[in-house]
PDB file of N, CA and C in Angstrom:
ATOM      1  N   MET A   1      77.681-103.113-187.881  1.00  0.00           N
ATOM      2  CA  MET A   1      78.241-103.235-190.199  1.00  0.00           C
ATOM      3  C   MET A   1      78.069-101.793-190.488  1.00  0.00           C
ATOM      4  N   LYS A   2      77.519-100.352-189.145  1.00  0.00           N
ATOM      5  CA  LYS A   2      78.122 -99.089-188.957  1.00  0.00           C
ATOM      6  C   LYS A   2      79.626 -99.008-189.760  1.00  0.00           C
ATOM      7  N   PHE A   3      79.942 -99.867-188.972  1.00  0.00           N
ATOM      8  CA  PHE A   3      81.237 -99.817-187.857  1.00  0.00           C
ATOM      9  C   PHE A   3      82.311 -99.773-189.660  1.00  0.00           C
ATOM     10  N   MET A   4      82.243-100.951-189.914  1.00  0.00           N
ATOM     11  CA  MET A   4      83.281-101.921-191.297  1.00  0.00           C
ATOM     12  C   MET A   4      82.556-100.795-192.274  1.00  0.00           C
ATOM     13  N   MET A   5      81.279-100.041-192.693  1.00  0.00           N
ATOM     14  CA  MET A   5      80.672 -99.333-193.941  1.00  0.00           C
ATOM     15  C   MET A   5      82.198 -98.122-193.525  1.00  0.00           C
ATOM     16  N   ILE A   6      82.400 -97.702-192.436  1.00  0.00           N
ATOM     17  CA  ILE A   6      83.049 -96.085-192.744  1.00  0.00           C
ATOM     18  C   ILE A   6      84.723 -96.849-192.644  1.00  0.00           C
ATOM     19  N   TYR A   7      84.478 -98.210-191.226  1.00  0.00           N
ATOM     20  CA  TYR A   7      86.422 -98.674-191.876  1.00  0.00           C
ATOM     21  C   TYR A   7      86.908 -98.701-193.517  1.00  0.00           C
ATOM     22  N   LEU A   8      86.072 -99.278-194.418  1.00  0.00           N
ATOM     23  CA  LEU A   8      85.629 -99.304-195.485  1.00  0.00           C
ATOM     24  C   LEU A   8      86.454 -98.371-196.301  1.00  0.00           C
ATOM     25  N   ILE A   9      85.188 -97.210-196.279  1.00  0.00           N
ATOM     26  CA  ILE A   9      85.261 -95.589-196.478  1.00  0.00           C
ATOM     27  C   ILE A   9      86.934 -95.349-196.402  1.00  0.00           C
ATOM     28  N   MET A  10      87.439 -94.957-195.099  1.00  0.00           N
ATOM     29  CA  MET A  10      88.226 -94.994-194.362  1.00  0.00           C
ATOM     30  C   MET A  10      89.973 -95.216-194.861  1.00  0.00           C
ATOM     31  N   ILE A  11      89.279 -96.721-195.036  1.00  0.00           N
ATOM     32  CA  ILE A  11      91.359 -97.275-195.801  1.00  0.00           C
ATOM     33  C   ILE A  11      91.503 -96.565-196.602  1.00  0.00           C
ATOM     34  N   ASN A  12      90.209 -96.980-197.518  1.00  0.00           N
ATOM     35  CA  ASN A  12      89.551 -96.912-198.605  1.00  0.00           C
ATOM     36  C   ASN A  12      89.814 -95.950-199.603  1.00  0.00           C
ATOM     37  N   ILE A  13      90.011 -94.029-198.959  1.00  0.00           N
ATOM     38  CA  ILE A  13      90.580 -93.127-198.697  1.00  0.00           C
ATOM     39  C   ILE A  13      91.807 -93.340-198.784  1.00  0.00           C
ATOM     40  N   LEU A  14      92.753 -93.938-197.632  1.00  0.00           N
ATOM     41  CA  LEU A  14      93.987 -93.599-197.369  1.00  0.00           C
ATOM     42  C   LEU A  14      94.933 -94.069-198.277  1.00  0.00           C
ATOM     43  N   ALA A  15      94.890 -95.622-198.942  1.00  0.00           N
ATOM     44  CA  ALA A  15      95.220 -95.720-199.678  1.00  0.00           C
ATOM     45  C   ALA A  15      95.228 -95.025-200.864  1.00  0.00           C
ATOM     46  N   PHE A  16      94.155 -94.782-201.592  1.00  0.00           N
ATOM     47  CA  PHE A  16      94.371 -93.628-202.432  1.00  0.00           C
ATOM     48  C   PHE A  16      95.022 -92.768-202.394  1.00  0.00           C
ATOM     49  N   LEU A  17      94.520 -91.096-201.170  1.00  0.00           N
ATOM     50  CA  LEU A  17      96.206 -91.007-201.503  1.00  0.00           C
ATOM     51  C   LEU A  17      97.652 -91.829-200.896  1.00  0.00           C
ATOM     52  N   MET A  18      98.380 -92.535-200.408  1.00  0.00           N
ATOM     53  CA  MET A  18      99.182 -92.807-200.534  1.00  0.00           C
ATOM     54  C   MET A  18      99.679 -93.287-201.858  1.00  0.00           C
ATOM     55  N   MET A  19      98.564 -93.860-202.516  1.00  0.00           N
ATOM     56  CA  MET A  19      98.448 -93.772-203.911  1.00  0.00           C
ATOM     57  C   MET A  19      99.070 -92.379-204.895  1.00  0.00           C
ATOM     58  N   LYS A  20      98.842 -91.303-204.119  1.00  0.00           N
ATOM     59  CA  LYS A  20      98.542 -90.005-205.624  1.00  0.00           C
ATOM     60  C   LYS A  20     100.218 -89.499-204.551  1.00  0.00           C
ATOM     61  N   LEU A  21     100.184 -89.598-203.240  1.00  0.00           N
ATOM     62  CA  LEU A  21     101.490 -89.680-202.860  1.00  0.00           C
ATOM     63  C   LEU A  21     101.894 -89.877-203.573  1.00  0.00           C
ATOM     64  N   ASP A  22     103.059 -90.983-203.821  1.00  0.00           N
ATOM     65  CA  ASP A  22     103.615 -92.004-204.083  1.00  0.00           C
ATOM     66  C   ASP A  22     104.419 -91.107-205.552  1.00  0.00           C
ATOM     67  N   LYS A  23     102.920 -90.746-206.039  1.00  0.00           N
ATOM     68  CA  LYS A  23     103.523 -90.186-207.481  1.00  0.00           C
ATOM     69  C   LYS A  23     103.805 -88.537-207.980  1.00  0.00           C
ATOM     70  N   TYR A  24     103.228 -88.278-206.825  1.00  0.00           N
ATOM     71  CA  TYR A  24     104.196 -87.386-206.150  1.00  0.00           C
ATOM     72  C   TYR A  24     105.524 -87.151-206.507  1.00  0.00           C
ATOM     73  N   LYS A  25     105.656 -88.165-204.856  1.00  0.00           N
ATOM     74  CA  LYS A  25     107.235 -87.984-204.700  1.00  0.00           C
ATOM     75  C   LYS A  25     107.571 -88.301-206.112  1.00  0.00           C
ATOM     76  N   ALA A  26     107.909 -89.328-206.620  1.00  0.00           N
ATOM     77  CA  ALA A  26     107.925 -90.114-207.869  1.00  0.00           C
ATOM     78  C   ALA A  26     108.618 -89.150-209.086  1.00  0.00           C
ATOM     79  N   ARG A  27     107.582 -88.080-209.033  1.00  0.00           N
ATOM     80  CA  ARG A  27     107.985 -86.730-210.435  1.00  0.00           C
ATOM     81  C   ARG A  27     109.436 -86.889-209.935  1.00  0.00           C
ATOM     82  N   LYS A  28     108.872 -85.870-208.256  1.00  0.00           N
ATOM     83  CA  LYS A  28     109.912 -85.672-207.533  1.00  0.00           C
ATOM     84  C   LYS A  28     111.910 -85.814-207.175  1.00  0.00           C
ATOM     85  N   HIS A  29     111.114 -87.298-207.609  1.00  0.00           N
ATOM     86  CA  HIS A  29     112.463 -88.392-206.878  1.00  0.00           C
ATOM     87  C   HIS A  29     112.903 -87.924-204.868  1.00  0.00           C
ATOM     88  N   ALA A  30     111.914 -88.642-204.742  1.00  0.00           N
ATOM     89  CA  ALA A  30     111.817 -88.242-203.483  1.00  0.00           C
ATOM     90  C   ALA A  30     111.700 -89.245-202.724  1.00  0.00           C
ATOM     91  N   TRP A  31     111.998 -89.699-201.324  1.00  0.00           N
ATOM     92  CA  TRP A  31     111.600 -90.679-200.935  1.00  0.00           C
ATOM     93  C   TRP A  31     109.665 -91.313-201.065  1.00  0.00           C
ATOM     94  N   ARG A  32     110.012 -92.412-201.194  1.00  0.00           N
ATOM     95  CA  ARG A  32     108.597 -93.370-201.706  1.00  0.00           C
ATOM     96  C   ARG A  32     108.259 -93.813-200.795  1.00  0.00           C
ATOM     97  N   VAL A  33     106.806 -95.085-201.047  1.00  0.00           N
ATOM     98  CA  VAL A  33     106.165 -94.832-200.186  1.00  0.00           C
ATOM     99  C   VAL A  33     106.299 -96.415-200.978  1.00  0.00           C
ATOM    100  N   PRO A  34     107.408 -97.313-199.985  1.00  0.00           N
ATOM    101  CA  PRO A  34     107.265 -98.505-200.012  1.00  0.00           C
ATOM    102  C   PRO A  34     106.276 -99.275-201.050  1.00  0.00           C
ATOM    103  N   GLU A  35     106.085-100.269-202.393  1.00  0.00           N
ATOM    104  CA  GLU A  35     105.337-101.730-202.012  1.00  0.00           C
ATOM    105  C   GLU A  35     103.996-102.288-201.878  1.00  0.00           C
ATOM    106  N   LYS A  36     105.092-102.891-200.594  1.00  0.00           N
ATOM    107  CA  LYS A  36     104.508-103.697-199.762  1.00  0.00           C
ATOM    108  C   LYS A  36     104.103-102.226-199.085  1.00  0.00           C
ATOM    109  N   SER A  37     104.049-101.207-198.916  1.00  0.00           N
ATOM    110  CA  SER A  37     102.534-101.027-197.937  1.00  0.00           C
ATOM    111  C   SER A  37     101.492-100.619-199.317  1.00  0.00           C
ATOM    112  N   PHE A  38     101.111-100.514-200.296  1.00  0.00           N
ATOM    113  CA  PHE A  38     100.451-101.307-200.926  1.00  0.00           C
ATOM    114  C   PHE A  38      99.763-101.717-201.384  1.00  0.00           C
ATOM    115  N   PHE A  39     100.560-103.235-200.430  1.00  0.00           N
ATOM    116  CA  PHE A  39      99.715-104.739-200.678  1.00  0.00           C
ATOM    117  C   PHE A  39      99.452-104.782-199.324  1.00  0.00           C
ATOM    118  N   LEU A  40      99.363-103.829-198.480  1.00  0.00           N
ATOM    119  CA  LEU A  40      98.734-103.837-196.965  1.00  0.00           C
ATOM    120  C   LEU A  40      98.295-103.141-197.103  1.00  0.00           C
ATOM    121  N   LEU A  41      97.991-102.692-197.418  1.00  0.00           N
ATOM    122  CA  LEU A  41      96.092-101.820-197.357  1.00  0.00           C
ATOM    123  C   LEU A  41      95.793-102.393-197.792  1.00  0.00           C
ATOM    124  N   SER A  42      95.513-102.768-199.446  1.00  0.00           N
ATOM    125  CA  SER A  42      94.466-103.734-200.281  1.00  0.00           C
ATOM    126  C   SER A  42      94.409-104.847-199.404  1.00  0.00           C
ATOM    127  N   ILE A  43      95.066-105.349-198.695  1.00  0.00           N
ATOM    128  CA  ILE A  43      94.914-106.650-197.307  1.00  0.00           C
ATOM    129  C   ILE A  43      94.061-106.642-197.004  1.00  0.00           C
ATOM    130  N   ILE A  44      94.227-105.198-195.888  1.00  0.00           N
ATOM    131  CA  ILE A  44      92.879-104.546-195.190  1.00  0.00           C
ATOM    132  C   ILE A  44      91.923-104.057-195.566  1.00  0.00           C
ATOM    133  N   GLY A  45      91.804-104.231-196.538  1.00  0.00           N
ATOM    134  CA  GLY A  45      90.794-103.174-196.478  1.00  0.00           C
ATOM    135  C   GLY A  45      90.633-102.466-198.125  1.00  0.00           C
ATOM    136  N   GLY A  46      91.813-102.426-198.366  1.00  0.00           N
ATOM    137  CA  GLY A  46      91.923-101.191-198.849  1.00  0.00           C
ATOM    138  C   GLY A  46      91.974-101.397-200.342  1.00  0.00           C
ATOM    139  N   SER A  47      92.398-102.376-201.403  1.00  0.00           N
ATOM    140  CA  SER A  47      91.831-102.267-202.587  1.00  0.00           C
ATOM    141  C   SER A  47      91.088-101.710-203.401  1.00  0.00           C
ATOM    142  N   LEU A  48      90.930-101.364-203.236  1.00  0.00           N
ATOM    143  CA  LEU A  48      89.403-100.666-204.476  1.00  0.00           C
ATOM    144  C   LEU A  48      90.209 -99.178-204.755  1.00  0.00           C
ATOM    145  N   GLY A  49      90.696 -98.340-203.052  1.00  0.00           N
ATOM    146  CA  GLY A  49      90.859 -97.478-203.294  1.00  0.00           C
ATOM    147  C   GLY A  49      92.489 -97.540-204.046  1.00  0.00           C
ATOM    148  N   THR A  50      93.389 -97.990-203.639  1.00  0.00           N
ATOM    149  CA  THR A  50      94.038 -99.211-204.450  1.00  0.00           C
ATOM    150  C   THR A  50      93.540 -98.594-205.334  1.00  0.00           C
ATOM    151  N   TRP A  51      93.977 -99.715-206.163  1.00  0.00           N
ATOM    152  CA  TRP A  51      92.653-100.167-208.063  1.00  0.00           C
ATOM    153  C   TRP A  51      92.754 -98.494-208.740  1.00  0.00           C
ATOM    154  N   ILE A  52      92.329 -97.447-208.325  1.00  0.00           N
ATOM    155  CA  ILE A  52      91.126 -96.661-207.872  1.00  0.00           C
ATOM    156  C   ILE A  52      92.523 -95.255-208.877  1.00  0.00           C
ATOM    157  N   GLY A  53      93.531 -95.611-207.441  1.00  0.00           N
ATOM    158  CA  GLY A  53      94.259 -94.715-207.339  1.00  0.00           C
ATOM    159  C   GLY A  53      95.358 -95.128-208.791  1.00  0.00           C
ATOM    160  N   MET A  54      95.386 -96.147-208.820  1.00  0.00           N
ATOM    161  CA  MET A  54      96.771 -96.951-209.595  1.00  0.00           C
ATOM    162  C   MET A  54      96.081 -95.642-211.025  1.00  0.00           C
ATOM    163  N   TYR A  55      94.679 -96.474-211.988  1.00  0.00           N
ATOM    164  CA  TYR A  55      94.382 -96.127-212.720  1.00  0.00           C
ATOM    165  C   TYR A  55      94.311 -93.699-213.024  1.00  0.00           C
ATOM    166  N   ILE A  56      93.796 -93.082-211.871  1.00  0.00           N
ATOM    167  CA  ILE A  56      93.428 -92.176-212.068  1.00  0.00           C
ATOM    168  C   ILE A  56      94.812 -91.160-212.075  1.00  0.00           C
ATOM    169  N   CYS A  57      95.673 -92.260-210.751  1.00  0.00           N
ATOM    170  CA  CYS A  57      97.540 -91.298-211.309  1.00  0.00           C
ATOM    171  C   CYS A  57      98.251 -91.335-212.036  1.00  0.00           C
ATOM    172  N   HIS A  58      97.417 -92.845-212.575  1.00  0.00           N
ATOM    173  CA  HIS A  58      98.892 -93.142-213.646  1.00  0.00           C
ATOM    174  C   HIS A  58      99.869 -93.885-213.615  1.00  0.00           C
ATOM    175  N   HIS A  59      99.787 -94.789-212.254  1.00  0.00           N
ATOM    176  CA  HIS A  59     101.898 -95.468-211.387  1.00  0.00           C
ATOM    177  C   HIS A  59     100.518 -96.713-211.366  1.00  0.00           C
ATOM    178  N   LYS A  60     101.758 -97.144-211.190  1.00  0.00           N
ATOM    179  CA  LYS A  60     102.135 -98.513-210.434  1.00  0.00           C
ATOM    180  C   LYS A  60     101.400 -99.891-212.204  1.00  0.00           C
ATOM    181  N   THR A  61     101.085 -98.882-212.703  1.00  0.00           N
ATOM    182  CA  THR A  61     100.198 -99.492-213.674  1.00  0.00           C
ATOM    183  C   THR A  61     101.485-100.646-215.846  1.00  0.00           C
ATOM    184  N   ARG A  62     102.512-100.040-214.945  1.00  0.00           N
ATOM    185  CA  ARG A  62     103.571-100.435-215.506  1.00  0.00           C
ATOM    186  C   ARG A  62     103.537-101.968-215.304  1.00  0.00           C
ATOM    187  N   GLN A  63     103.507-102.150-213.323  1.00  0.00           N
ATOM    188  CA  GLN A  63     104.021-103.572-213.466  1.00  0.00           C
ATOM    189  C   GLN A  63     103.061-104.540-212.693  1.00  0.00           C
ATOM    190  N   TRP A  64     103.722-106.057-213.287  1.00  0.00           N
ATOM    191  CA  TRP A  64     101.980-106.629-213.216  1.00  0.00           C
ATOM    192  C   TRP A  64     102.121-107.065-212.373  1.00  0.00           C
ATOM    193  N   TYR A  65     102.620-106.558-210.669  1.00  0.00           N
ATOM    194  CA  TYR A  65     101.613-107.327-209.536  1.00  0.00           C
ATOM    195  C   TYR A  65     100.955-106.849-208.959  1.00  0.00           C
ATOM    196  N   PHE A  66     100.870-105.413-209.845  1.00  0.00           N
ATOM    197  CA  PHE A  66     100.482-104.943-209.411  1.00  0.00           C
ATOM    198  C   PHE A  66      98.648-104.893-209.810  1.00  0.00           C
ATOM    199  N   VAL A  67      98.625-104.406-211.277  1.00  0.00           N
ATOM    200  CA  VAL A  67      98.050-104.865-212.611  1.00  0.00           C
ATOM    201  C   VAL A  67      97.329-106.052-212.362  1.00  0.00           C
ATOM    202  N   VAL A  68      98.023-107.465-211.503  1.00  0.00           N
ATOM    203  CA  VAL A  68      97.992-107.770-211.744  1.00  0.00           C
ATOM    204  C   VAL A  68      96.582-108.629-210.037  1.00  0.00           C
ATOM    205  N   GLY A  69      97.966-108.485-209.238  1.00  0.00           N
ATOM    206  CA  GLY A  69      97.956-108.332-207.593  1.00  0.00           C
ATOM    207  C   GLY A  69      96.434-107.841-206.562  1.00  0.00           C
ATOM    208  N   ILE A  70      96.050-106.262-207.273  1.00  0.00           N
ATOM    209  CA  ILE A  70      95.125-104.907-206.652  1.00  0.00           C
ATOM    210  C   ILE A  70      94.308-106.078-206.687  1.00  0.00           C
ATOM    211  N   PRO A  71      93.101-106.433-207.452  1.00  0.00           N
ATOM    212  CA  PRO A  71      92.746-106.666-208.724  1.00  0.00           C
ATOM    213  C   PRO A  71      91.990-108.209-208.539  1.00  0.00           C
ATOM    214  N   ILE A  72      92.848-109.150-207.859  1.00  0.00           N
ATOM    215  CA  ILE A  72      92.916-110.467-207.562  1.00  0.00           C
ATOM    216  C   ILE A  72      92.723-110.494-205.706  1.00  0.00           C
ATOM    217  N   ILE A  73      93.339-108.873-204.987  1.00  0.00           N
ATOM    218  CA  ILE A  73      92.544-109.533-204.199  1.00  0.00           C
ATOM    219  C   ILE A  73      91.694-108.498-203.623  1.00  0.00           C
ATOM    220  N   LEU A  74      91.486-107.798-204.566  1.00  0.00           N
ATOM    221  CA  LEU A  74      89.795-107.181-204.443  1.00  0.00           C
ATOM    222  C   LEU A  74      88.584-108.195-204.772  1.00  0.00           C
ATOM    223  N   LEU A  75      88.398-108.716-205.857  1.00  0.00           N
ATOM    224  CA  LEU A  75      88.243-109.783-206.097  1.00  0.00           C
ATOM    225  C   LEU A  75      87.049-110.774-205.063  1.00  0.00           C
ATOM    226  N   LEU A  76      88.891-111.532-204.235  1.00  0.00           N
ATOM    227  CA  LEU A  76      88.306-111.513-203.964  1.00  0.00           C
ATOM    228  C   LEU A  76      88.296-111.365-201.877  1.00  0.00           C
ATOM    229  N   GLN A  77      87.827-109.984-201.919  1.00  0.00           N
ATOM    230  CA  GLN A  77      87.662-109.725-200.683  1.00  0.00           C
ATOM    231  C   GLN A  77      85.768-109.052-201.268  1.00  0.00           C
ATOM    232  N   ILE A  78      86.116-108.786-202.452  1.00  0.00           N
ATOM    233  CA  ILE A  78      84.520-109.034-203.059  1.00  0.00           C
ATOM    234  C   ILE A  78      83.809-110.192-202.759  1.00  0.00           C
ATOM    235  N   LEU A  79      84.294-111.603-202.788  1.00  0.00           N
ATOM    236  CA  LEU A  79      83.704-112.844-203.142  1.00  0.00           C
ATOM    237  C   LEU A  79      83.858-113.000-201.036  1.00  0.00           C
ATOM    238  N   LEU A  80      84.839-112.142-200.393  1.00  0.00           N
ATOM    239  CA  LEU A  80      84.308-113.064-199.157  1.00  0.00           C
ATOM    240  C   LEU A  80      82.956-112.586-198.775  1.00  0.00           C
ATOM    241  N   ILE A  81      82.829-111.067-198.794  1.00  0.00           N
ATOM    242  CA  ILE A  81      81.492-109.966-198.449  1.00  0.00           C
ATOM    243  C   ILE A  81      80.115-110.386-198.553  1.00  0.00           C
ATOM    244  N   LEU A  82      80.449-111.097-199.903  1.00  0.00           N
ATOM    245  CA  LEU A  82      79.544-111.947-200.587  1.00  0.00           C
ATOM    246  C   LEU A  82      78.699-113.229-199.747  1.00  0.00           C
ATOM    247  N   LYS A  83      79.552-113.930-199.272  1.00  0.00           N
ATOM    248  CA  LYS A  83      80.181-115.120-199.113  1.00  0.00           C
ATOM    249  C   LYS A  83      79.432-114.850-196.880  1.00  0.00           C
ATOM    250  N   VAL A  84      79.603-114.141-196.949  1.00  0.00           N
ATOM    251  CA  VAL A  84      79.481-113.660-195.716  1.00  0.00           C
ATOM    252  C   VAL A  84      78.262-112.682-195.671  1.00  0.00           C
ATOM    253  N   LYS A  85      77.612-112.416-196.864  1.00  0.00           N
ATOM    254  CA  LYS A  85      76.189-111.879-196.318  1.00  0.00           C
ATOM    255  C   LYS A  85      75.738-112.979-196.396  1.00  0.00           C
ATOM    256  N   GLY A  86      76.055-113.603-197.406  1.00  0.00           N
ATOM    257  CA  GLY A  86      74.780-114.529-197.708  1.00  0.00           C
ATOM    258  C   GLY A  86      74.519-115.258-196.660  1.00  0.00           C
ATOM    259  N   GLY A  87      75.569-116.200-195.374  1.00  0.00           N
ATOM    260  CA  GLY A  87      75.189-116.564-194.583  1.00  0.00           C
ATOM    261  C   GLY A  87      75.462-117.953-194.313  1.00  0.00           C
ATOM    262  N   SER A  88      77.242-118.256-194.696  1.00  0.00           N
ATOM    263  CA  SER A  88      77.292-119.088-195.271  1.00  0.00           C
ATOM    264  C   SER A  88      79.258-119.552-194.293  1.00  0.00           C
ATOM    265  N   LEU A  89      79.395-118.867-194.064  1.00  0.00           N
ATOM    266  CA  LEU A  89      80.554-118.129-193.007  1.00  0.00           C
ATOM    267  C   LEU A  89      80.038-118.341-191.748  1.00  0.00           C
TER     268      LEU A  89
END
């Protein structure tokens, strides 16, 4: 359980920093982080970091698939955690 918490903290920090980096790169018209990278990070546990990064950095908030997709991934992950904690799985 401790390893899982450390993993989730680290992956969410990484997702947040990637969102911040991509926003910086967008302003500089430089190489960008592929959008699929944000979804991959979110699916493997970084959805909260991605979601927070979207709104703190004001980035990707005009693309409906981010505005809808990232919260859906986060919600599904929360439901999965609650189901596992409840002992149903």
